[in-house]
Amino acid sequence: MNRNTFLTLGLLAVFVLSACTPSAPASPPTPTIAAEPAAPAPESAPEAEAPVVAPAPEADAPVVEEEPPAEAPVIVVTPRGNDLEATDPSTVNLASGKPQLIEFFAFW
């Protein structure tokens, strides 16, 4: 046998084996956290931290509430305009050998 035959048989075997493998799981497995205790930290006296105080708002400043911008209605452009009309199916010849434009819609 020559080299091309071995290459072909090898690729065929790879494809068959890859087709027989199970599919990948839908979600990756969640990692588990080991219950081992962390190395003990050296004990030291806790340092006193200064409390953080938020500044009070000024009484003279007006309170402005931001409103989310109103979304503009989305305009859907159709090739035939806004006046969609149903076509009589008996007048359409799909087997004419020419390209056909077919639109599906529903009156809701």
PDB file of N, CA and C in Angstrom:
ATOM      1  N   MET A   1       0.846  -1.178   0.000  1.00  0.00           N
ATOM      2  CA  MET A   1       0.000   0.000   0.000  1.00  0.00           C
ATOM      3  C   MET A   1       0.894   1.244   0.000  1.00  0.00           C
ATOM      4  N   ASN A   2       0.389   2.264  -0.596  1.00  0.00           N
ATOM      5  CA  ASN A   2       1.196   3.471  -0.670  1.00  0.00           C
ATOM      6  C   ASN A   2       0.793   4.468   0.422  1.00  0.00           C
ATOM      7  N   ARG A   3       1.474   5.573   0.413  1.00  0.00           N
ATOM      8  CA  ARG A   3       1.302   6.583   1.467  1.00  0.00           C
ATOM      9  C   ARG A   3      -0.093   7.211   1.430  1.00  0.00           C
ATOM     10  N   ASN A   4      -0.651   7.456   0.262  1.00  0.00           N
ATOM     11  CA  ASN A   4      -1.977   8.076   0.137  1.00  0.00           C
ATOM     12  C   ASN A   4      -3.067   7.183   0.714  1.00  0.00           C
ATOM     13  N   THR A   5      -2.916   5.883   0.585  1.00  0.00           N
ATOM     14  CA  THR A   5      -3.909   4.962   1.130  1.00  0.00           C
ATOM     15  C   THR A   5      -3.906   5.026   2.651  1.00  0.00           C
ATOM     16  N   PHE A   6      -2.698   5.053   3.250  1.00  0.00           N
ATOM     17  CA  PHE A   6      -2.613   5.152   4.711  1.00  0.00           C
ATOM     18  C   PHE A   6      -3.191   6.477   5.211  1.00  0.00           C
ATOM     19  N   LEU A   7      -2.934   7.548   4.477  1.00  0.00           N
ATOM     20  CA  LEU A   7      -3.471   8.851   4.862  1.00  0.00           C
ATOM     21  C   LEU A   7      -4.994   8.845   4.790  1.00  0.00           C
ATOM     22  N   THR A   8      -5.539   8.278   3.741  1.00  0.00           N
ATOM     23  CA  THR A   8      -6.993   8.217   3.579  1.00  0.00           C
ATOM     24  C   THR A   8      -7.633   7.361   4.664  1.00  0.00           C
ATOM     25  N   LEU A   9      -7.058   6.184   4.925  1.00  0.00           N
ATOM     26  CA  LEU A   9      -7.601   5.309   5.970  1.00  0.00           C
ATOM     27  C   LEU A   9      -7.466   5.942   7.355  1.00  0.00           C
ATOM     28  N   GLY A  10      -6.369   6.650   7.587  1.00  0.00           N
ATOM     29  CA  GLY A  10      -6.176   7.319   8.877  1.00  0.00           C
ATOM     30  C   GLY A  10      -7.205   8.417   9.097  1.00  0.00           C
ATOM     31  N   LEU A  11      -7.445   9.231   8.075  1.00  0.00           N
ATOM     32  CA  LEU A  11      -8.449  10.292   8.193  1.00  0.00           C
ATOM     33  C   LEU A  11      -9.848   9.714   8.350  1.00  0.00           C
ATOM     34  N   LEU A  12     -10.132   8.640   7.648  1.00  0.00           N
ATOM     35  CA  LEU A  12     -11.427   7.988   7.778  1.00  0.00           C
ATOM     36  C   LEU A  12     -11.624   7.460   9.196  1.00  0.00           C
ATOM     37  N   ALA A  13     -10.582   6.877   9.774  1.00  0.00           N
ATOM     38  CA  ALA A  13     -10.668   6.372  11.148  1.00  0.00           C
ATOM     39  C   ALA A  13     -10.887   7.516  12.133  1.00  0.00           C
ATOM     40  N   VAL A  14     -10.222   8.649  11.924  1.00  0.00           N
ATOM     41  CA  VAL A  14     -10.394   9.804  12.814  1.00  0.00           C
ATOM     42  C   VAL A  14     -11.823  10.325  12.732  1.00  0.00           C
ATOM     43  N   PHE A  15     -12.377  10.425  11.542  1.00  0.00           N
ATOM     44  CA  PHE A  15     -13.751  10.912  11.394  1.00  0.00           C
ATOM     45  C   PHE A  15     -14.758   9.968  12.031  1.00  0.00           C
ATOM     46  N   VAL A  16     -14.562   8.667  11.866  1.00  0.00           N
ATOM     47  CA  VAL A  16     -15.488   7.698  12.451  1.00  0.00           C
ATOM     48  C   VAL A  16     -15.411   7.744  13.966  1.00  0.00           C
ATOM     49  N   LEU A  17     -14.194   7.819  14.514  1.00  0.00           N
ATOM     50  CA  LEU A  17     -14.054   7.878  15.970  1.00  0.00           C
ATOM     51  C   LEU A  17     -14.611   9.180  16.536  1.00  0.00           C
ATOM     52  N   SER A  18     -14.438  10.287  15.828  1.00  0.00           N
ATOM     53  CA  SER A  18     -14.973  11.554  16.336  1.00  0.00           C
ATOM     54  C   SER A  18     -16.493  11.572  16.260  1.00  0.00           C
ATOM     55  N   ALA A  19     -17.070  10.862  15.317  1.00  0.00           N
ATOM     56  CA  ALA A  19     -18.526  10.800  15.215  1.00  0.00           C
ATOM     57  C   ALA A  19     -19.119   9.933  16.316  1.00  0.00           C
ATOM     58  N   CYS A  20     -18.326   9.012  16.857  1.00  0.00           N
ATOM     59  CA  CYS A  20     -18.825   8.099  17.891  1.00  0.00           C
ATOM     60  C   CYS A  20     -18.674   8.656  19.298  1.00  0.00           C
ATOM     61  N   THR A  21     -17.987   9.764  19.462  1.00  0.00           N
ATOM     62  CA  THR A  21     -17.792  10.322  20.800  1.00  0.00           C
ATOM     63  C   THR A  21     -19.064  11.019  21.258  1.00  0.00           C
ATOM     64  N   PRO A  22     -19.293  11.080  22.578  1.00  0.00           N
ATOM     65  CA  PRO A  22     -20.491  11.775  23.066  1.00  0.00           C
ATOM     66  C   PRO A  22     -20.360  13.276  22.841  1.00  0.00           C
ATOM     67  N   SER A  23     -21.495  13.932  22.764  1.00  0.00           N
ATOM     68  CA  SER A  23     -21.477  15.375  22.548  1.00  0.00           C
ATOM     69  C   SER A  23     -21.011  16.080  23.815  1.00  0.00           C
ATOM     70  N   ALA A  24     -20.586  17.309  23.665  1.00  0.00           N
ATOM     71  CA  ALA A  24     -20.107  18.093  24.794  1.00  0.00           C
ATOM     72  C   ALA A  24     -21.272  18.420  25.717  1.00  0.00           C
ATOM     73  N   PRO A  25     -21.021  18.536  27.029  1.00  0.00           N
ATOM     74  CA  PRO A  25     -22.111  18.883  27.942  1.00  0.00           C
ATOM     75  C   PRO A  25     -22.622  20.292  27.644  1.00  0.00           C
ATOM     76  N   ALA A  26     -23.892  20.517  27.975  1.00  0.00           N
ATOM     77  CA  ALA A  26     -24.517  21.810  27.691  1.00  0.00           C
ATOM     78  C   ALA A  26     -23.866  22.936  28.479  1.00  0.00           C
ATOM     79  N   SER A  27     -23.499  22.676  29.715  1.00  0.00           N
ATOM     80  CA  SER A  27     -22.844  23.691  30.526  1.00  0.00           C
ATOM     81  C   SER A  27     -21.581  23.089  31.121  1.00  0.00           C
ATOM     82  N   PRO A  28     -20.543  23.891  31.279  1.00  0.00           N
ATOM     83  CA  PRO A  28     -19.309  23.361  31.847  1.00  0.00           C
ATOM     84  C   PRO A  28     -19.530  22.968  33.302  1.00  0.00           C
ATOM     85  N   PRO A  29     -18.814  21.954  33.768  1.00  0.00           N
ATOM     86  CA  PRO A  29     -18.993  21.543  35.159  1.00  0.00           C
ATOM     87  C   PRO A  29     -18.543  22.648  36.106  1.00  0.00           C
ATOM     88  N   THR A  30     -19.257  22.780  37.209  1.00  0.00           N
ATOM     89  CA  THR A  30     -18.910  23.806  38.184  1.00  0.00           C
ATOM     90  C   THR A  30     -17.721  23.332  38.998  1.00  0.00           C
ATOM     91  N   PRO A  31     -16.754  24.194  39.227  1.00  0.00           N
ATOM     92  CA  PRO A  31     -15.585  23.779  40.007  1.00  0.00           C
ATOM     93  C   PRO A  31     -15.976  23.577  41.468  1.00  0.00           C
ATOM     94  N   THR A  32     -15.385  22.572  42.065  1.00  0.00           N
ATOM     95  CA  THR A  32     -15.644  22.311  43.479  1.00  0.00           C
ATOM     96  C   THR A  32     -14.550  22.957  44.304  1.00  0.00           C
ATOM     97  N   ILE A  33     -14.932  23.470  45.434  1.00  0.00           N
ATOM     98  CA  ILE A  33     -13.986  24.133  46.322  1.00  0.00           C
ATOM     99  C   ILE A  33     -13.576  23.138  47.391  1.00  0.00           C
ATOM    100  N   ALA A  34     -12.273  22.974  47.551  1.00  0.00           N
ATOM    101  CA  ALA A  34     -11.771  22.041  48.555  1.00  0.00           C
ATOM    102  C   ALA A  34     -12.050  22.600  49.942  1.00  0.00           C
ATOM    103  N   ALA A  35     -12.331  21.702  50.876  1.00  0.00           N
ATOM    104  CA  ALA A  35     -12.670  22.122  52.228  1.00  0.00           C
ATOM    105  C   ALA A  35     -11.442  22.210  53.122  1.00  0.00           C
ATOM    106  N   GLU A  36     -10.261  22.345  52.527  1.00  0.00           N
ATOM    107  CA  GLU A  36      -9.048  22.443  53.332  1.00  0.00           C
ATOM    108  C   GLU A  36      -8.957  23.836  53.943  1.00  0.00           C
ATOM    109  N   PRO A  37      -8.560  23.918  55.205  1.00  0.00           N
ATOM    110  CA  PRO A  37      -8.422  25.243  55.815  1.00  0.00           C
ATOM    111  C   PRO A  37      -7.215  25.963  55.229  1.00  0.00           C
ATOM    112  N   ALA A  38      -7.335  27.254  55.131  1.00  0.00           N
ATOM    113  CA  ALA A  38      -6.238  28.061  54.624  1.00  0.00           C
ATOM    114  C   ALA A  38      -5.151  28.146  55.684  1.00  0.00           C
ATOM    115  N   ALA A  39      -3.972  28.529  55.264  1.00  0.00           N
ATOM    116  CA  ALA A  39      -2.867  28.663  56.215  1.00  0.00           C
ATOM    117  C   ALA A  39      -3.243  29.721  57.239  1.00  0.00           C
ATOM    118  N   PRO A  40      -2.988  29.434  58.526  1.00  0.00           N
ATOM    119  CA  PRO A  40      -3.371  30.417  59.546  1.00  0.00           C
ATOM    120  C   PRO A  40      -2.582  31.708  59.383  1.00  0.00           C
ATOM    121  N   ALA A  41      -3.295  32.815  59.465  1.00  0.00           N
ATOM    122  CA  ALA A  41      -2.663  34.121  59.360  1.00  0.00           C
ATOM    123  C   ALA A  41      -2.070  34.485  60.713  1.00  0.00           C
ATOM    124  N   PRO A  42      -0.953  35.173  60.699  1.00  0.00           N
ATOM    125  CA  PRO A  42      -0.372  35.582  61.990  1.00  0.00           C
ATOM    126  C   PRO A  42      -1.325  36.534  62.699  1.00  0.00           C
ATOM    127  N   GLU A  43      -1.498  36.286  63.955  1.00  0.00           N
ATOM    128  CA  GLU A  43      -2.426  37.109  64.726  1.00  0.00           C
ATOM    129  C   GLU A  43      -1.771  38.430  65.081  1.00  0.00           C
ATOM    130  N   SER A  44      -2.503  39.500  64.882  1.00  0.00           N
ATOM    131  CA  SER A  44      -2.021  40.820  65.250  1.00  0.00           C
ATOM    132  C   SER A  44      -3.214  41.605  65.766  1.00  0.00           C
ATOM    133  N   ALA A  45      -2.917  42.659  66.452  1.00  0.00           N
ATOM    134  CA  ALA A  45      -3.978  43.478  67.015  1.00  0.00           C
ATOM    135  C   ALA A  45      -4.697  44.192  65.875  1.00  0.00           C
ATOM    136  N   PRO A  46      -6.036  44.179  65.890  1.00  0.00           N
ATOM    137  CA  PRO A  46      -6.758  44.883  64.829  1.00  0.00           C
ATOM    138  C   PRO A  46      -6.538  46.384  64.942  1.00  0.00           C
ATOM    139  N   GLU A  47      -6.322  46.993  63.790  1.00  0.00           N
ATOM    140  CA  GLU A  47      -6.104  48.434  63.770  1.00  0.00           C
ATOM    141  C   GLU A  47      -7.453  49.140  63.728  1.00  0.00           C
ATOM    142  N   ALA A  48      -7.542  50.223  64.451  1.00  0.00           N
ATOM    143  CA  ALA A  48      -8.778  51.000  64.468  1.00  0.00           C
ATOM    144  C   ALA A  48      -8.842  51.823  63.188  1.00  0.00           C
ATOM    145  N   GLU A  49      -9.934  51.675  62.475  1.00  0.00           N
ATOM    146  CA  GLU A  49     -10.103  52.429  61.241  1.00  0.00           C
ATOM    147  C   GLU A  49     -11.070  53.577  61.492  1.00  0.00           C
ATOM    148  N   ALA A  50     -10.799  54.685  60.845  1.00  0.00           N
ATOM    149  CA  ALA A  50     -11.674  55.840  60.984  1.00  0.00           C
ATOM    150  C   ALA A  50     -12.956  55.556  60.210  1.00  0.00           C
ATOM    151  N   PRO A  51     -14.110  55.839  60.798  1.00  0.00           N
ATOM    152  CA  PRO A  51     -15.358  55.586  60.074  1.00  0.00           C
ATOM    153  C   PRO A  51     -15.484  56.536  58.879  1.00  0.00           C
ATOM    154  N   VAL A  52     -16.011  56.018  57.809  1.00  0.00           N
ATOM    155  CA  VAL A  52     -16.203  56.810  56.598  1.00  0.00           C
ATOM    156  C   VAL A  52     -17.622  57.359  56.623  1.00  0.00           C
ATOM    157  N   VAL A  53     -17.729  58.679  56.544  1.00  0.00           N
ATOM    158  CA  VAL A  53     -19.027  59.331  56.588  1.00  0.00           C
ATOM    159  C   VAL A  53     -19.248  60.029  55.250  1.00  0.00           C
ATOM    160  N   ALA A  54     -20.379  59.764  54.640  1.00  0.00           N
ATOM    161  CA  ALA A  54     -20.708  60.417  53.378  1.00  0.00           C
ATOM    162  C   ALA A  54     -21.153  61.843  53.667  1.00  0.00           C
ATOM    163  N   PRO A  55     -20.718  62.801  52.846  1.00  0.00           N
ATOM    164  CA  PRO A  55     -21.138  64.182  53.079  1.00  0.00           C
ATOM    165  C   PRO A  55     -22.638  64.330  52.823  1.00  0.00           C
ATOM    166  N   ALA A  56     -23.270  65.124  53.641  1.00  0.00           N
ATOM    167  CA  ALA A  56     -24.704  65.368  53.504  1.00  0.00           C
ATOM    168  C   ALA A  56     -24.951  66.263  52.295  1.00  0.00           C
ATOM    169  N   PRO A  57     -26.019  66.017  51.534  1.00  0.00           N
ATOM    170  CA  PRO A  57     -26.309  66.886  50.387  1.00  0.00           C
ATOM    171  C   PRO A  57     -26.692  68.281  50.872  1.00  0.00           C
ATOM    172  N   GLU A  58     -26.317  69.250  50.061  1.00  0.00           N
ATOM    173  CA  GLU A  58     -26.615  70.631  50.433  1.00  0.00           C
ATOM    174  C   GLU A  58     -28.111  70.899  50.297  1.00  0.00           C
ATOM    175  N   ALA A  59     -28.640  71.701  51.180  1.00  0.00           N
ATOM    176  CA  ALA A  59     -30.068  72.008  51.169  1.00  0.00           C
ATOM    177  C   ALA A  59     -30.430  72.916  49.993  1.00  0.00           C
ATOM    178  N   ASP A  60     -29.478  73.740  49.519  1.00  0.00           N
ATOM    179  CA  ASP A  60     -29.771  74.675  48.437  1.00  0.00           C
ATOM    180  C   ASP A  60     -29.765  73.995  47.061  1.00  0.00           C
ATOM    181  N   ALA A  61     -29.104  72.857  46.947  1.00  0.00           N
ATOM    182  CA  ALA A  61     -28.982  72.204  45.643  1.00  0.00           C
ATOM    183  C   ALA A  61     -30.307  71.530  45.280  1.00  0.00           C
ATOM    184  N   PRO A  62     -30.819  71.778  44.066  1.00  0.00           N
ATOM    185  CA  PRO A  62     -32.075  71.133  43.660  1.00  0.00           C
ATOM    186  C   PRO A  62     -31.827  69.643  43.371  1.00  0.00           C
ATOM    187  N   VAL A  63     -32.803  68.846  43.713  1.00  0.00           N
ATOM    188  CA  VAL A  63     -32.702  67.417  43.463  1.00  0.00           C
ATOM    189  C   VAL A  63     -33.244  67.151  42.056  1.00  0.00           C
ATOM    190  N   VAL A  64     -32.407  66.567  41.212  1.00  0.00           N
ATOM    191  CA  VAL A  64     -32.787  66.292  39.836  1.00  0.00           C
ATOM    192  C   VAL A  64     -32.877  64.779  39.670  1.00  0.00           C
ATOM    193  N   GLU A  65     -34.057  64.316  39.315  1.00  0.00           N
ATOM    194  CA  GLU A  65     -34.228  62.894  39.062  1.00  0.00           C
ATOM    195  C   GLU A  65     -34.110  62.664  37.562  1.00  0.00           C
ATOM    196  N   GLU A  66     -33.255  61.738  37.206  1.00  0.00           N
ATOM    197  CA  GLU A  66     -33.055  61.454  35.791  1.00  0.00           C
ATOM    198  C   GLU A  66     -34.096  60.447  35.324  1.00  0.00           C
ATOM    199  N   GLU A  67     -34.755  60.785  34.233  1.00  0.00           N
ATOM    200  CA  GLU A  67     -35.729  59.880  33.645  1.00  0.00           C
ATOM    201  C   GLU A  67     -35.058  59.135  32.499  1.00  0.00           C
ATOM    202  N   PRO A  68     -35.350  57.866  32.351  1.00  0.00           N
ATOM    203  CA  PRO A  68     -34.760  57.161  31.211  1.00  0.00           C
ATOM    204  C   PRO A  68     -35.344  57.713  29.915  1.00  0.00           C
ATOM    205  N   PRO A  69     -34.522  57.803  28.882  1.00  0.00           N
ATOM    206  CA  PRO A  69     -35.035  58.355  27.624  1.00  0.00           C
ATOM    207  C   PRO A  69     -36.121  57.452  27.054  1.00  0.00           C
ATOM    208  N   ALA A  70     -37.157  58.080  26.547  1.00  0.00           N
ATOM    209  CA  ALA A  70     -38.265  57.327  25.963  1.00  0.00           C
ATOM    210  C   ALA A  70     -37.794  56.714  24.649  1.00  0.00           C
ATOM    211  N   GLU A  71     -38.126  55.443  24.457  1.00  0.00           N
ATOM    212  CA  GLU A  71     -37.712  54.771  23.238  1.00  0.00           C
ATOM    213  C   GLU A  71     -38.654  55.152  22.100  1.00  0.00           C
ATOM    214  N   ALA A  72     -38.060  55.518  20.986  1.00  0.00           N
ATOM    215  CA  ALA A  72     -38.853  55.870  19.814  1.00  0.00           C
ATOM    216  C   ALA A  72     -39.403  54.591  19.201  1.00  0.00           C
ATOM    217  N   PRO A  73     -40.588  54.643  18.626  1.00  0.00           N
ATOM    218  CA  PRO A  73     -41.129  53.435  17.998  1.00  0.00           C
ATOM    219  C   PRO A  73     -40.250  53.009  16.826  1.00  0.00           C
ATOM    220  N   VAL A  74     -40.084  51.714  16.695  1.00  0.00           N
ATOM    221  CA  VAL A  74     -39.255  51.173  15.631  1.00  0.00           C
ATOM    222  C   VAL A  74     -40.076  51.102  14.347  1.00  0.00           C
ATOM    223  N   ILE A  75     -39.530  51.653  13.295  1.00  0.00           N
ATOM    224  CA  ILE A  75     -40.210  51.657  12.012  1.00  0.00           C
ATOM    225  C   ILE A  75     -39.738  50.440  11.226  1.00  0.00           C
ATOM    226  N   VAL A  76     -40.675  49.588  10.833  1.00  0.00           N
ATOM    227  CA  VAL A  76     -40.357  48.396  10.060  1.00  0.00           C
ATOM    228  C   VAL A  76     -40.606  48.707   8.595  1.00  0.00           C
ATOM    229  N   VAL A  77     -39.559  48.601   7.810  1.00  0.00           N
ATOM    230  CA  VAL A  77     -39.661  48.906   6.392  1.00  0.00           C
ATOM    231  C   VAL A  77     -39.932  47.608   5.641  1.00  0.00           C
ATOM    232  N   THR A  78     -40.986  47.599   4.856  1.00  0.00           N
ATOM    233  CA  THR A  78     -41.301  46.439   4.030  1.00  0.00           C
ATOM    234  C   THR A  78     -41.126  46.823   2.569  1.00  0.00           C
ATOM    235  N   PRO A  79     -40.811  45.856   1.714  1.00  0.00           N
ATOM    236  CA  PRO A  79     -40.608  46.187   0.305  1.00  0.00           C
ATOM    237  C   PRO A  79     -41.871  46.681  -0.392  1.00  0.00           C
ATOM    238  N   ARG A  80     -43.028  46.346   0.130  1.00  0.00           N
ATOM    239  CA  ARG A  80     -44.273  46.733  -0.537  1.00  0.00           C
ATOM    240  C   ARG A  80     -44.941  47.915   0.139  1.00  0.00           C
ATOM    241  N   GLY A  81     -44.334  48.484   1.177  1.00  0.00           N
ATOM    242  CA  GLY A  81     -44.935  49.610   1.867  1.00  0.00           C
ATOM    243  C   GLY A  81     -45.790  49.159   3.031  1.00  0.00           C
ATOM    244  N   ASN A  82     -46.616  50.042   3.530  1.00  0.00           N
ATOM    245  CA  ASN A  82     -47.461  49.740   4.686  1.00  0.00           C
ATOM    246  C   ASN A  82     -48.734  48.998   4.319  1.00  0.00           C
ATOM    247  N   ASP A  83     -49.127  49.032   3.057  1.00  0.00           N
ATOM    248  CA  ASP A  83     -50.375  48.403   2.633  1.00  0.00           C
ATOM    249  C   ASP A  83     -50.116  46.978   2.154  1.00  0.00           C
ATOM    250  N   LEU A  84     -50.052  46.048   3.082  1.00  0.00           N
ATOM    251  CA  LEU A  84     -49.852  44.655   2.717  1.00  0.00           C
ATOM    252  C   LEU A  84     -51.181  44.052   2.309  1.00  0.00           C
ATOM    253  N   GLU A  85     -51.178  43.369   1.196  1.00  0.00           N
ATOM    254  CA  GLU A  85     -52.389  42.746   0.683  1.00  0.00           C
ATOM    255  C   GLU A  85     -52.116  41.273   0.447  1.00  0.00           C
ATOM    256  N   ALA A  86     -53.082  40.452   0.768  1.00  0.00           N
ATOM    257  CA  ALA A  86     -52.938  39.016   0.548  1.00  0.00           C
ATOM    258  C   ALA A  86     -53.031  38.713  -0.940  1.00  0.00           C
ATOM    259  N   THR A  87     -52.210  37.763  -1.388  1.00  0.00           N
ATOM    260  CA  THR A  87     -52.214  37.347  -2.788  1.00  0.00           C
ATOM    261  C   THR A  87     -53.041  36.078  -2.926  1.00  0.00           C
ATOM    262  N   ASP A  88     -53.765  35.987  -4.002  1.00  0.00           N
ATOM    263  CA  ASP A  88     -54.527  34.775  -4.277  1.00  0.00           C
ATOM    264  C   ASP A  88     -53.536  33.675  -4.676  1.00  0.00           C
ATOM    265  N   PRO A  89     -53.451  32.577  -3.908  1.00  0.00           N
ATOM    266  CA  PRO A  89     -52.459  31.538  -4.205  1.00  0.00           C
ATOM    267  C   PRO A  89     -52.638  30.892  -5.572  1.00  0.00           C
ATOM    268  N   SER A  90     -53.832  30.932  -6.131  1.00  0.00           N
ATOM    269  CA  SER A  90     -54.034  30.302  -7.438  1.00  0.00           C
ATOM    270  C   SER A  90     -53.392  31.106  -8.565  1.00  0.00           C
ATOM    271  N   THR A  91     -53.051  32.373  -8.323  1.00  0.00           N
ATOM    272  CA  THR A  91     -52.436  33.192  -9.363  1.00  0.00           C
ATOM    273  C   THR A  91     -50.912  33.091  -9.357  1.00  0.00           C
ATOM    274  N   VAL A  92     -50.339  32.402  -8.387  1.00  0.00           N
ATOM    275  CA  VAL A  92     -48.887  32.314  -8.266  1.00  0.00           C
ATOM    276  C   VAL A  92     -48.413  31.013  -8.892  1.00  0.00           C
ATOM    277  N   ASN A  93     -47.405  31.101  -9.762  1.00  0.00           N
ATOM    278  CA  ASN A  93     -46.817  29.924 -10.392  1.00  0.00           C
ATOM    279  C   ASN A  93     -45.368  29.825  -9.926  1.00  0.00           C
ATOM    280  N   LEU A  94     -45.102  28.977  -8.924  1.00  0.00           N
ATOM    281  CA  LEU A  94     -43.748  28.853  -8.391  1.00  0.00           C
ATOM    282  C   LEU A  94     -42.856  28.009  -9.291  1.00  0.00           C
ATOM    283  N   ALA A  95     -43.425  27.243 -10.192  1.00  0.00           N
ATOM    284  CA  ALA A  95     -42.645  26.384 -11.079  1.00  0.00           C
ATOM    285  C   ALA A  95     -42.407  27.044 -12.431  1.00  0.00           C
ATOM    286  N   SER A  96     -42.339  28.366 -12.466  1.00  0.00           N
ATOM    287  CA  SER A  96     -42.178  29.065 -13.737  1.00  0.00           C
ATOM    288  C   SER A  96     -40.728  29.077 -14.200  1.00  0.00           C
ATOM    289  N   GLY A  97     -39.792  28.708 -13.340  1.00  0.00           N
ATOM    290  CA  GLY A  97     -38.384  28.719 -13.711  1.00  0.00           C
ATOM    291  C   GLY A  97     -37.724  30.063 -13.512  1.00  0.00           C
ATOM    292  N   LYS A  98     -38.444  31.019 -12.983  1.00  0.00           N
ATOM    293  CA  LYS A  98     -37.900  32.345 -12.722  1.00  0.00           C
ATOM    294  C   LYS A  98     -37.813  32.551 -11.213  1.00  0.00           C
ATOM    295  N   PRO A  99     -36.920  33.430 -10.756  1.00  0.00           N
ATOM    296  CA  PRO A  99     -36.844  33.720  -9.315  1.00  0.00           C
ATOM    297  C   PRO A  99     -38.152  34.330  -8.821  1.00  0.00           C
ATOM    298  N   GLN A 100     -38.597  33.911  -7.660  1.00  0.00           N
ATOM    299  CA  GLN A 100     -39.852  34.390  -7.084  1.00  0.00           C
ATOM    300  C   GLN A 100     -39.565  35.030  -5.732  1.00  0.00           C
ATOM    301  N   LEU A 101     -40.229  36.135  -5.450  1.00  0.00           N
ATOM    302  CA  LEU A 101     -40.165  36.761  -4.139  1.00  0.00           C
ATOM    303  C   LEU A 101     -41.419  36.354  -3.387  1.00  0.00           C
ATOM    304  N   ILE A 102     -41.215  35.657  -2.274  1.00  0.00           N
ATOM    305  CA  ILE A 102     -42.349  35.190  -1.479  1.00  0.00           C
ATOM    306  C   ILE A 102     -42.238  35.821  -0.103  1.00  0.00           C
ATOM    307  N   GLU A 103     -43.270  36.506   0.327  1.00  0.00           N
ATOM    308  CA  GLU A 103     -43.314  37.105   1.656  1.00  0.00           C
ATOM    309  C   GLU A 103     -44.411  36.439   2.461  1.00  0.00           C
ATOM    310  N   PHE A 104     -44.090  36.085   3.686  1.00  0.00           N
ATOM    311  CA  PHE A 104     -45.074  35.510   4.592  1.00  0.00           C
ATOM    312  C   PHE A 104     -45.378  36.544   5.667  1.00  0.00           C
ATOM    313  N   PHE A 105     -46.626  36.795   5.915  1.00  0.00           N
ATOM    314  CA  PHE A 105     -47.015  37.731   6.960  1.00  0.00           C
ATOM    315  C   PHE A 105     -48.369  37.320   7.490  1.00  0.00           C
ATOM    316  N   ALA A 106     -48.747  37.936   8.589  1.00  0.00           N
ATOM    317  CA  ALA A 106     -50.055  37.653   9.185  1.00  0.00           C
ATOM    318  C   ALA A 106     -50.684  38.974   9.592  1.00  0.00           C
ATOM    319  N   PHE A 107     -51.996  39.075   9.448  1.00  0.00           N
ATOM    320  CA  PHE A 107     -52.720  40.254   9.920  1.00  0.00           C
ATOM    321  C   PHE A 107     -53.016  40.046  11.398  1.00  0.00           C
ATOM    322  N   TRP A 108     -52.335  40.747  12.277  1.00  0.00           N
ATOM    323  CA  TRP A 108     -52.538  40.584  13.729  1.00  0.00           C
ATOM    324  C   TRP A 108     -53.197  41.798  14.272  1.00  0.00           C
TER     325      TRP A 108
END
